[in-house]
């Protein structure tokens, strides 16, 4: 999953976006102004930025210009605003913003924009070296081979995920296999799986239902 920076001066919007994106499996960094956004950009190297236009210290368009001028605009940026004009949205796009979301942001539009942004960012990034160790992902020309540390029992720890599928479909296949693996390893314990995956129990349950994971599978495998 991706590391996403959310920049907005409204606490409620930051928390809402953070909850949605965390529920999708992403890591979220929050900033309430341009100063915090600059620091987070240097510290976290986000894969995507959701940037509010109207902020008290420096507006989002000015920050976008700054990143562009200094060569720091290396990640996709999606602008957000509830008051911006069409001219402002066009200006931001010309500077380098990938898209513009009008507040209040709907769940469907947010997830679609994030998915497109991450897909665009993945194309722009150079291929990274494959890390060594028991858990790693090996990129091949037509598929991603996910290899996880094997256990004595449970679902197969080696699976192929086709790269020729739409991003969301391929991601859902990986997430389903990931959660099924941990459910089997933890004997179906939602509490332990939540701890392992870093998700709150309610978010985890909703995610499993969304992916169509059989919640009794882990217990059957260890019966």
C-alpha atoms as a PDB file:
ATOM      1  CA  UNK A   1       0.000   0.000   0.000  1.00  0.00           C
ATOM      2  CA  UNK A   2       0.978   3.629  -0.320  1.00  0.00           C
ATOM      3  CA  UNK A   3       2.174   6.414   1.943  1.00  0.00           C
ATOM      4  CA  UNK A   4      -0.243   9.335   1.494  1.00  0.00           C
ATOM      5  CA  UNK A   5       0.148  12.871   2.821  1.00  0.00           C
ATOM      6  CA  UNK A   6      -3.106  14.730   3.589  1.00  0.00           C
ATOM      7  CA  UNK A   7      -2.735  18.502   3.889  1.00  0.00           C
ATOM      8  CA  UNK A   8      -5.809  20.383   5.139  1.00  0.00           C
ATOM      9  CA  UNK A   9      -6.354  23.020   7.822  1.00  0.00           C
ATOM     10  CA  UNK A  10      -9.730  21.522   8.836  1.00  0.00           C
ATOM     11  CA  UNK A  11      -9.319  18.882  11.531  1.00  0.00           C
ATOM     12  CA  UNK A  12     -12.540  17.072  10.653  1.00  0.00           C
ATOM     13  CA  UNK A  13     -11.557  16.656   7.014  1.00  0.00           C
ATOM     14  CA  UNK A  14      -8.081  15.415   7.920  1.00  0.00           C
ATOM     15  CA  UNK A  15      -9.528  12.808  10.262  1.00  0.00           C
ATOM     16  CA  UNK A  16     -12.182  11.696   7.770  1.00  0.00           C
ATOM     17  CA  UNK A  17      -9.721  11.277   4.907  1.00  0.00           C
ATOM     18  CA  UNK A  18      -7.274   9.538   7.223  1.00  0.00           C
ATOM     19  CA  UNK A  19      -9.912   7.037   8.350  1.00  0.00           C
ATOM     20  CA  UNK A  20     -10.979   6.261   4.763  1.00  0.00           C
ATOM     21  CA  UNK A  21      -7.439   5.851   3.468  1.00  0.00           C
ATOM     22  CA  UNK A  22      -6.330   3.808   6.483  1.00  0.00           C
ATOM     23  CA  UNK A  23      -9.306   1.558   5.918  1.00  0.00           C
ATOM     24  CA  UNK A  24      -8.033   1.055   2.357  1.00  0.00           C
ATOM     25  CA  UNK A  25      -4.729  -0.111   3.794  1.00  0.00           C
ATOM     26  CA  UNK A  26      -2.677   3.030   3.182  1.00  0.00           C
ATOM     27  CA  UNK A  27      -0.319   4.759   5.613  1.00  0.00           C
ATOM     28  CA  UNK A  28      -1.449   8.347   6.160  1.00  0.00           C
ATOM     29  CA  UNK A  29       0.569  11.370   7.293  1.00  0.00           C
ATOM     30  CA  UNK A  30      -1.399  14.483   8.307  1.00  0.00           C
ATOM     31  CA  UNK A  31      -0.442  18.163   7.988  1.00  0.00           C
ATOM     32  CA  UNK A  32      -2.595  21.164   8.841  1.00  0.00           C
ATOM     33  CA  UNK A  33      -0.557  23.822   7.035  1.00  0.00           C
ATOM     34  CA  UNK A  34       2.165  24.335   4.452  1.00  0.00           C
ATOM     35  CA  UNK A  35       4.987  24.314   7.016  1.00  0.00           C
ATOM     36  CA  UNK A  36       3.984  20.870   8.284  1.00  0.00           C
ATOM     37  CA  UNK A  37       3.489  19.703   4.695  1.00  0.00           C
ATOM     38  CA  UNK A  38       7.034  20.735   3.741  1.00  0.00           C
ATOM     39  CA  UNK A  39       8.456  18.852   6.717  1.00  0.00           C
ATOM     40  CA  UNK A  40       6.362  15.756   5.985  1.00  0.00           C
ATOM     41  CA  UNK A  41       7.362  15.862   2.314  1.00  0.00           C
ATOM     42  CA  UNK A  42      11.033  15.697   3.296  1.00  0.00           C
ATOM     43  CA  UNK A  43      10.553  13.192   6.117  1.00  0.00           C
ATOM     44  CA  UNK A  44       8.100  10.715   4.667  1.00  0.00           C
ATOM     45  CA  UNK A  45       8.638  10.921   0.877  1.00  0.00           C
ATOM     46  CA  UNK A  46       4.913  10.367   0.203  1.00  0.00           C
ATOM     47  CA  UNK A  47       3.653   8.406  -2.790  1.00  0.00           C
ATOM     48  CA  UNK A  48       0.713  10.804  -3.136  1.00  0.00           C
ATOM     49  CA  UNK A  49      -0.382  14.148  -1.676  1.00  0.00           C
ATOM     50  CA  UNK A  50      -3.947  15.373  -1.105  1.00  0.00           C
ATOM     51  CA  UNK A  51      -3.508  19.142  -0.877  1.00  0.00           C
ATOM     52  CA  UNK A  52      -6.098  21.702   0.208  1.00  0.00           C
ATOM     53  CA  UNK A  53      -6.036  24.994  -1.694  1.00  0.00           C
ATOM     54  CA  UNK A  54      -7.176  27.404   1.014  1.00  0.00           C
ATOM     55  CA  UNK A  55      -4.914  27.342   4.064  1.00  0.00           C
ATOM     56  CA  UNK A  56      -4.018  30.078   6.585  1.00  0.00           C
ATOM     57  CA  UNK A  57      -0.237  30.373   6.107  1.00  0.00           C
ATOM     58  CA  UNK A  58       0.489  29.439   2.516  1.00  0.00           C
ATOM     59  CA  UNK A  59      -2.226  28.369   0.087  1.00  0.00           C
ATOM     60  CA  UNK A  60      -2.009  25.053  -1.704  1.00  0.00           C
ATOM     61  CA  UNK A  61      -1.383  26.502  -5.161  1.00  0.00           C
ATOM     62  CA  UNK A  62       1.596  28.499  -3.857  1.00  0.00           C
ATOM     63  CA  UNK A  63       2.985  25.373  -2.157  1.00  0.00           C
ATOM     64  CA  UNK A  64       2.490  23.420  -5.376  1.00  0.00           C
ATOM     65  CA  UNK A  65       4.417  26.104  -7.294  1.00  0.00           C
ATOM     66  CA  UNK A  66       7.188  25.952  -4.691  1.00  0.00           C
ATOM     67  CA  UNK A  67       7.526  22.178  -5.013  1.00  0.00           C
ATOM     68  CA  UNK A  68       7.501  22.425  -8.787  1.00  0.00           C
ATOM     69  CA  UNK A  69      10.153  25.168  -8.888  1.00  0.00           C
ATOM     70  CA  UNK A  70      12.488  23.337  -6.506  1.00  0.00           C
ATOM     71  CA  UNK A  71      12.199  19.915  -8.138  1.00  0.00           C
ATOM     72  CA  UNK A  72      10.256  18.514  -5.172  1.00  0.00           C
ATOM     73  CA  UNK A  73       7.144  17.703  -7.194  1.00  0.00           C
ATOM     74  CA  UNK A  74       8.178  14.073  -7.645  1.00  0.00           C
ATOM     75  CA  UNK A  75       4.855  12.617  -6.466  1.00  0.00           C
ATOM     76  CA  UNK A  76       1.279  12.978  -7.767  1.00  0.00           C
ATOM     77  CA  UNK A  77      -0.662  15.811  -6.101  1.00  0.00           C
ATOM     78  CA  UNK A  78      -4.458  15.996  -5.954  1.00  0.00           C
ATOM     79  CA  UNK A  79      -5.849  19.416  -5.070  1.00  0.00           C
ATOM     80  CA  UNK A  80      -8.966  19.852  -2.895  1.00  0.00           C
ATOM     81  CA  UNK A  81     -11.214  22.840  -2.252  1.00  0.00           C
ATOM     82  CA  UNK A  82     -14.780  23.800  -1.539  1.00  0.00           C
ATOM     83  CA  UNK A  83     -14.432  27.383  -2.781  1.00  0.00           C
ATOM     84  CA  UNK A  84     -11.947  27.342  -5.665  1.00  0.00           C
ATOM     85  CA  UNK A  85     -12.918  28.637  -9.090  1.00  0.00           C
ATOM     86  CA  UNK A  86     -12.430  26.827 -12.380  1.00  0.00           C
ATOM     87  CA  UNK A  87      -9.501  29.154 -13.109  1.00  0.00           C
ATOM     88  CA  UNK A  88      -7.794  28.063  -9.886  1.00  0.00           C
ATOM     89  CA  UNK A  89      -8.289  24.395 -10.727  1.00  0.00           C
ATOM     90  CA  UNK A  90      -6.905  24.945 -14.240  1.00  0.00           C
ATOM     91  CA  UNK A  91      -3.920  26.850 -12.835  1.00  0.00           C
ATOM     92  CA  UNK A  92      -3.120  24.039 -10.399  1.00  0.00           C
ATOM     93  CA  UNK A  93      -3.317  21.476 -13.196  1.00  0.00           C
ATOM     94  CA  UNK A  94      -0.942  23.508 -15.351  1.00  0.00           C
ATOM     95  CA  UNK A  95       1.555  23.693 -12.490  1.00  0.00           C
ATOM     96  CA  UNK A  96       1.538  19.937 -12.142  1.00  0.00           C
ATOM     97  CA  UNK A  97      -1.465  18.833 -10.070  1.00  0.00           C
ATOM     98  CA  UNK A  98      -2.882  15.526 -11.250  1.00  0.00           C
ATOM     99  CA  UNK A  99      -6.517  16.225 -10.408  1.00  0.00           C
ATOM    100  CA  UNK A 100      -8.916  18.488  -8.520  1.00  0.00           C
ATOM    101  CA  UNK A 101     -11.517  17.316  -6.008  1.00  0.00           C
ATOM    102  CA  UNK A 102     -14.362  19.566  -4.947  1.00  0.00           C
ATOM    103  CA  UNK A 103     -15.399  19.481  -1.290  1.00  0.00           C
ATOM    104  CA  UNK A 104     -17.284  17.823   0.197  1.00  0.00           C
ATOM    105  CA  UNK A 105     -15.309  14.977  -1.347  1.00  0.00           C
ATOM    106  CA  UNK A 106     -17.376  11.871  -2.060  1.00  0.00           C
ATOM    107  CA  UNK A 107     -15.949   8.448  -1.189  1.00  0.00           C
ATOM    108  CA  UNK A 108     -16.197   7.198  -4.780  1.00  0.00           C
ATOM    109  CA  UNK A 109     -14.410  10.216  -6.276  1.00  0.00           C
ATOM    110  CA  UNK A 110     -11.726  10.157  -3.591  1.00  0.00           C
ATOM    111  CA  UNK A 111     -10.859   6.486  -4.049  1.00  0.00           C
ATOM    112  CA  UNK A 112     -10.903   6.790  -7.841  1.00  0.00           C
ATOM    113  CA  UNK A 113      -8.598   9.829  -7.790  1.00  0.00           C
ATOM    114  CA  UNK A 114      -6.219   8.157  -5.323  1.00  0.00           C
ATOM    115  CA  UNK A 115      -6.126   4.975  -7.402  1.00  0.00           C
ATOM    116  CA  UNK A 116      -5.365   6.923 -10.594  1.00  0.00           C
ATOM    117  CA  UNK A 117      -2.770   9.032  -8.804  1.00  0.00           C
ATOM    118  CA  UNK A 118      -0.931   6.035  -7.394  1.00  0.00           C
ATOM    119  CA  UNK A 119      -1.020   4.311 -10.776  1.00  0.00           C
ATOM    120  CA  UNK A 120       0.473   7.424 -12.382  1.00  0.00           C
ATOM    121  CA  UNK A 121       3.106   7.686  -9.666  1.00  0.00           C
ATOM    122  CA  UNK A 122       4.075   4.019 -10.051  1.00  0.00           C
ATOM    123  CA  UNK A 123       4.732   4.589 -13.763  1.00  0.00           C
ATOM    124  CA  UNK A 124       6.938   7.603 -13.038  1.00  0.00           C
ATOM    125  CA  UNK A 125       9.064   5.873 -10.389  1.00  0.00           C
ATOM    126  CA  UNK A 126      12.168   3.903 -11.395  1.00  0.00           C
ATOM    127  CA  UNK A 127      12.175   0.185 -10.656  1.00  0.00           C
ATOM    128  CA  UNK A 128      13.519  -0.408  -7.153  1.00  0.00           C
ATOM    129  CA  UNK A 129      15.843  -3.222  -6.166  1.00  0.00           C
ATOM    130  CA  UNK A 130      14.116  -6.243  -4.649  1.00  0.00           C
ATOM    131  CA  UNK A 131      14.775  -6.386  -0.885  1.00  0.00           C
ATOM    132  CA  UNK A 132      16.164  -9.578   0.573  1.00  0.00           C
ATOM    133  CA  UNK A 133      14.617 -11.526   3.435  1.00  0.00           C
ATOM    134  CA  UNK A 134      11.724 -13.883   4.132  1.00  0.00           C
ATOM    135  CA  UNK A 135       9.100 -11.369   3.028  1.00  0.00           C
ATOM    136  CA  UNK A 136       9.516  -9.704  -0.346  1.00  0.00           C
ATOM    137  CA  UNK A 137       7.796  -9.016  -3.666  1.00  0.00           C
ATOM    138  CA  UNK A 138       9.469  -9.967  -6.922  1.00  0.00           C
ATOM    139  CA  UNK A 139       8.389  -8.009  -9.990  1.00  0.00           C
ATOM    140  CA  UNK A 140       8.266  -9.944 -13.236  1.00  0.00           C
ATOM    141  CA  UNK A 141       7.174  -8.913 -16.725  1.00  0.00           C
ATOM    142  CA  UNK A 142       3.621 -10.234 -16.445  1.00  0.00           C
ATOM    143  CA  UNK A 143       2.969 -10.931 -12.791  1.00  0.00           C
ATOM    144  CA  UNK A 144       3.838 -10.070  -9.207  1.00  0.00           C
ATOM    145  CA  UNK A 145       5.008 -13.051  -7.188  1.00  0.00           C
ATOM    146  CA  UNK A 146       4.372 -12.439  -3.494  1.00  0.00           C
ATOM    147  CA  UNK A 147       6.542 -14.600  -1.267  1.00  0.00           C
ATOM    148  CA  UNK A 148       5.896 -14.665   2.466  1.00  0.00           C
ATOM    149  CA  UNK A 149       7.542 -16.590   5.249  1.00  0.00           C
ATOM    150  CA  UNK A 150       5.982 -20.065   5.200  1.00  0.00           C
ATOM    151  CA  UNK A 151       4.150 -21.654   8.114  1.00  0.00           C
ATOM    152  CA  UNK A 152       3.470 -25.302   8.751  1.00  0.00           C
ATOM    153  CA  UNK A 153      -0.221 -25.059   8.015  1.00  0.00           C
ATOM    154  CA  UNK A 154      -2.562 -22.655   6.299  1.00  0.00           C
ATOM    155  CA  UNK A 155      -3.105 -21.326   2.774  1.00  0.00           C
ATOM    156  CA  UNK A 156      -0.299 -21.481   0.246  1.00  0.00           C
ATOM    157  CA  UNK A 157       2.213 -18.702   0.931  1.00  0.00           C
ATOM    158  CA  UNK A 158       3.170 -18.275  -2.722  1.00  0.00           C
ATOM    159  CA  UNK A 159       0.667 -16.785  -5.159  1.00  0.00           C
ATOM    160  CA  UNK A 160       0.742 -15.080  -8.528  1.00  0.00           C
ATOM    161  CA  UNK A 161      -1.119 -11.819  -9.120  1.00  0.00           C
ATOM    162  CA  UNK A 162      -1.544 -10.754 -12.740  1.00  0.00           C
ATOM    163  CA  UNK A 163      -0.372  -7.253 -13.591  1.00  0.00           C
ATOM    164  CA  UNK A 164      -2.588  -7.084 -16.671  1.00  0.00           C
ATOM    165  CA  UNK A 165      -5.681  -6.581 -14.510  1.00  0.00           C
ATOM    166  CA  UNK A 166      -7.100  -3.224 -13.351  1.00  0.00           C
ATOM    167  CA  UNK A 167      -5.249  -1.884 -10.286  1.00  0.00           C
ATOM    168  CA  UNK A 168      -8.181  -2.241  -7.884  1.00  0.00           C
ATOM    169  CA  UNK A 169      -8.910  -5.824  -8.975  1.00  0.00           C
ATOM    170  CA  UNK A 170      -5.266  -6.882  -8.638  1.00  0.00           C
ATOM    171  CA  UNK A 171      -4.978  -5.118  -5.276  1.00  0.00           C
ATOM    172  CA  UNK A 172      -8.139  -6.794  -3.966  1.00  0.00           C
ATOM    173  CA  UNK A 173      -6.761 -10.211  -4.939  1.00  0.00           C
ATOM    174  CA  UNK A 174      -3.541  -9.537  -3.057  1.00  0.00           C
ATOM    175  CA  UNK A 175      -5.334  -8.143   0.012  1.00  0.00           C
ATOM    176  CA  UNK A 176      -7.690 -11.131   0.139  1.00  0.00           C
ATOM    177  CA  UNK A 177      -4.768 -13.582   0.008  1.00  0.00           C
ATOM    178  CA  UNK A 178      -2.894 -11.496   2.598  1.00  0.00           C
ATOM    179  CA  UNK A 179      -5.747 -11.504   5.113  1.00  0.00           C
ATOM    180  CA  UNK A 180      -6.564 -15.184   4.505  1.00  0.00           C
ATOM    181  CA  UNK A 181      -2.927 -16.018   5.237  1.00  0.00           C
ATOM    182  CA  UNK A 182      -2.953 -14.140   8.545  1.00  0.00           C
ATOM    183  CA  UNK A 183      -6.374 -15.494   9.548  1.00  0.00           C
ATOM    184  CA  UNK A 184      -5.081 -19.018   9.035  1.00  0.00           C
ATOM    185  CA  UNK A 185      -1.825 -18.296  10.866  1.00  0.00           C
ATOM    186  CA  UNK A 186      -3.684 -16.774  13.844  1.00  0.00           C
ATOM    187  CA  UNK A 187      -6.335 -19.515  13.966  1.00  0.00           C
ATOM    188  CA  UNK A 188      -9.086 -17.112  12.920  1.00  0.00           C
ATOM    189  CA  UNK A 189      -8.460 -14.648  15.775  1.00  0.00           C
ATOM    190  CA  UNK A 190      -9.652 -11.213  14.608  1.00  0.00           C
ATOM    191  CA  UNK A 191      -7.884  -9.556  17.533  1.00  0.00           C
ATOM    192  CA  UNK A 192      -4.486 -11.015  16.674  1.00  0.00           C
ATOM    193  CA  UNK A 193      -4.951 -10.357  12.942  1.00  0.00           C
ATOM    194  CA  UNK A 194      -5.852  -6.741  13.722  1.00  0.00           C
ATOM    195  CA  UNK A 195      -2.638  -6.420  15.740  1.00  0.00           C
ATOM    196  CA  UNK A 196      -0.569  -8.059  12.992  1.00  0.00           C
ATOM    197  CA  UNK A 197      -1.974  -5.914  10.166  1.00  0.00           C
ATOM    198  CA  UNK A 198      -2.179  -2.637  12.091  1.00  0.00           C
ATOM    199  CA  UNK A 199      -5.911  -2.169  11.501  1.00  0.00           C
ATOM    200  CA  UNK A 200      -8.603  -1.461  14.063  1.00  0.00           C
ATOM    201  CA  UNK A 201     -10.854  -4.469  14.608  1.00  0.00           C
ATOM    202  CA  UNK A 202     -13.955  -2.748  13.176  1.00  0.00           C
ATOM    203  CA  UNK A 203     -12.036  -1.601  10.101  1.00  0.00           C
ATOM    204  CA  UNK A 204     -10.569  -5.066   9.672  1.00  0.00           C
ATOM    205  CA  UNK A 205     -13.961  -6.763   9.826  1.00  0.00           C
ATOM    206  CA  UNK A 206     -15.412  -4.335   7.287  1.00  0.00           C
ATOM    207  CA  UNK A 207     -12.416  -4.882   4.998  1.00  0.00           C
ATOM    208  CA  UNK A 208     -12.752  -8.681   5.191  1.00  0.00           C
ATOM    209  CA  UNK A 209     -16.464  -8.520   4.380  1.00  0.00           C
ATOM    210  CA  UNK A 210     -15.724  -6.191   1.467  1.00  0.00           C
ATOM    211  CA  UNK A 211     -13.131  -8.603   0.058  1.00  0.00           C
ATOM    212  CA  UNK A 212     -15.372 -11.635   0.538  1.00  0.00           C
ATOM    213  CA  UNK A 213     -12.989 -13.379   2.918  1.00  0.00           C
ATOM    214  CA  UNK A 214     -14.381 -16.516   4.571  1.00  0.00           C
ATOM    215  CA  UNK A 215     -13.965 -15.706   8.269  1.00  0.00           C
ATOM    216  CA  UNK A 216     -14.281 -19.364   9.273  1.00  0.00           C
ATOM    217  CA  UNK A 217     -11.451 -20.499   6.983  1.00  0.00           C
ATOM    218  CA  UNK A 218      -8.632 -19.998   9.457  1.00  0.00           C
ATOM    219  CA  UNK A 219     -10.365 -22.049  12.144  1.00  0.00           C
ATOM    220  CA  UNK A 220     -11.151 -24.877   9.719  1.00  0.00           C
ATOM    221  CA  UNK A 221      -7.530 -25.089   8.626  1.00  0.00           C
ATOM    222  CA  UNK A 222      -6.441 -25.616  12.245  1.00  0.00           C
ATOM    223  CA  UNK A 223      -9.303 -27.874  13.312  1.00  0.00           C
END
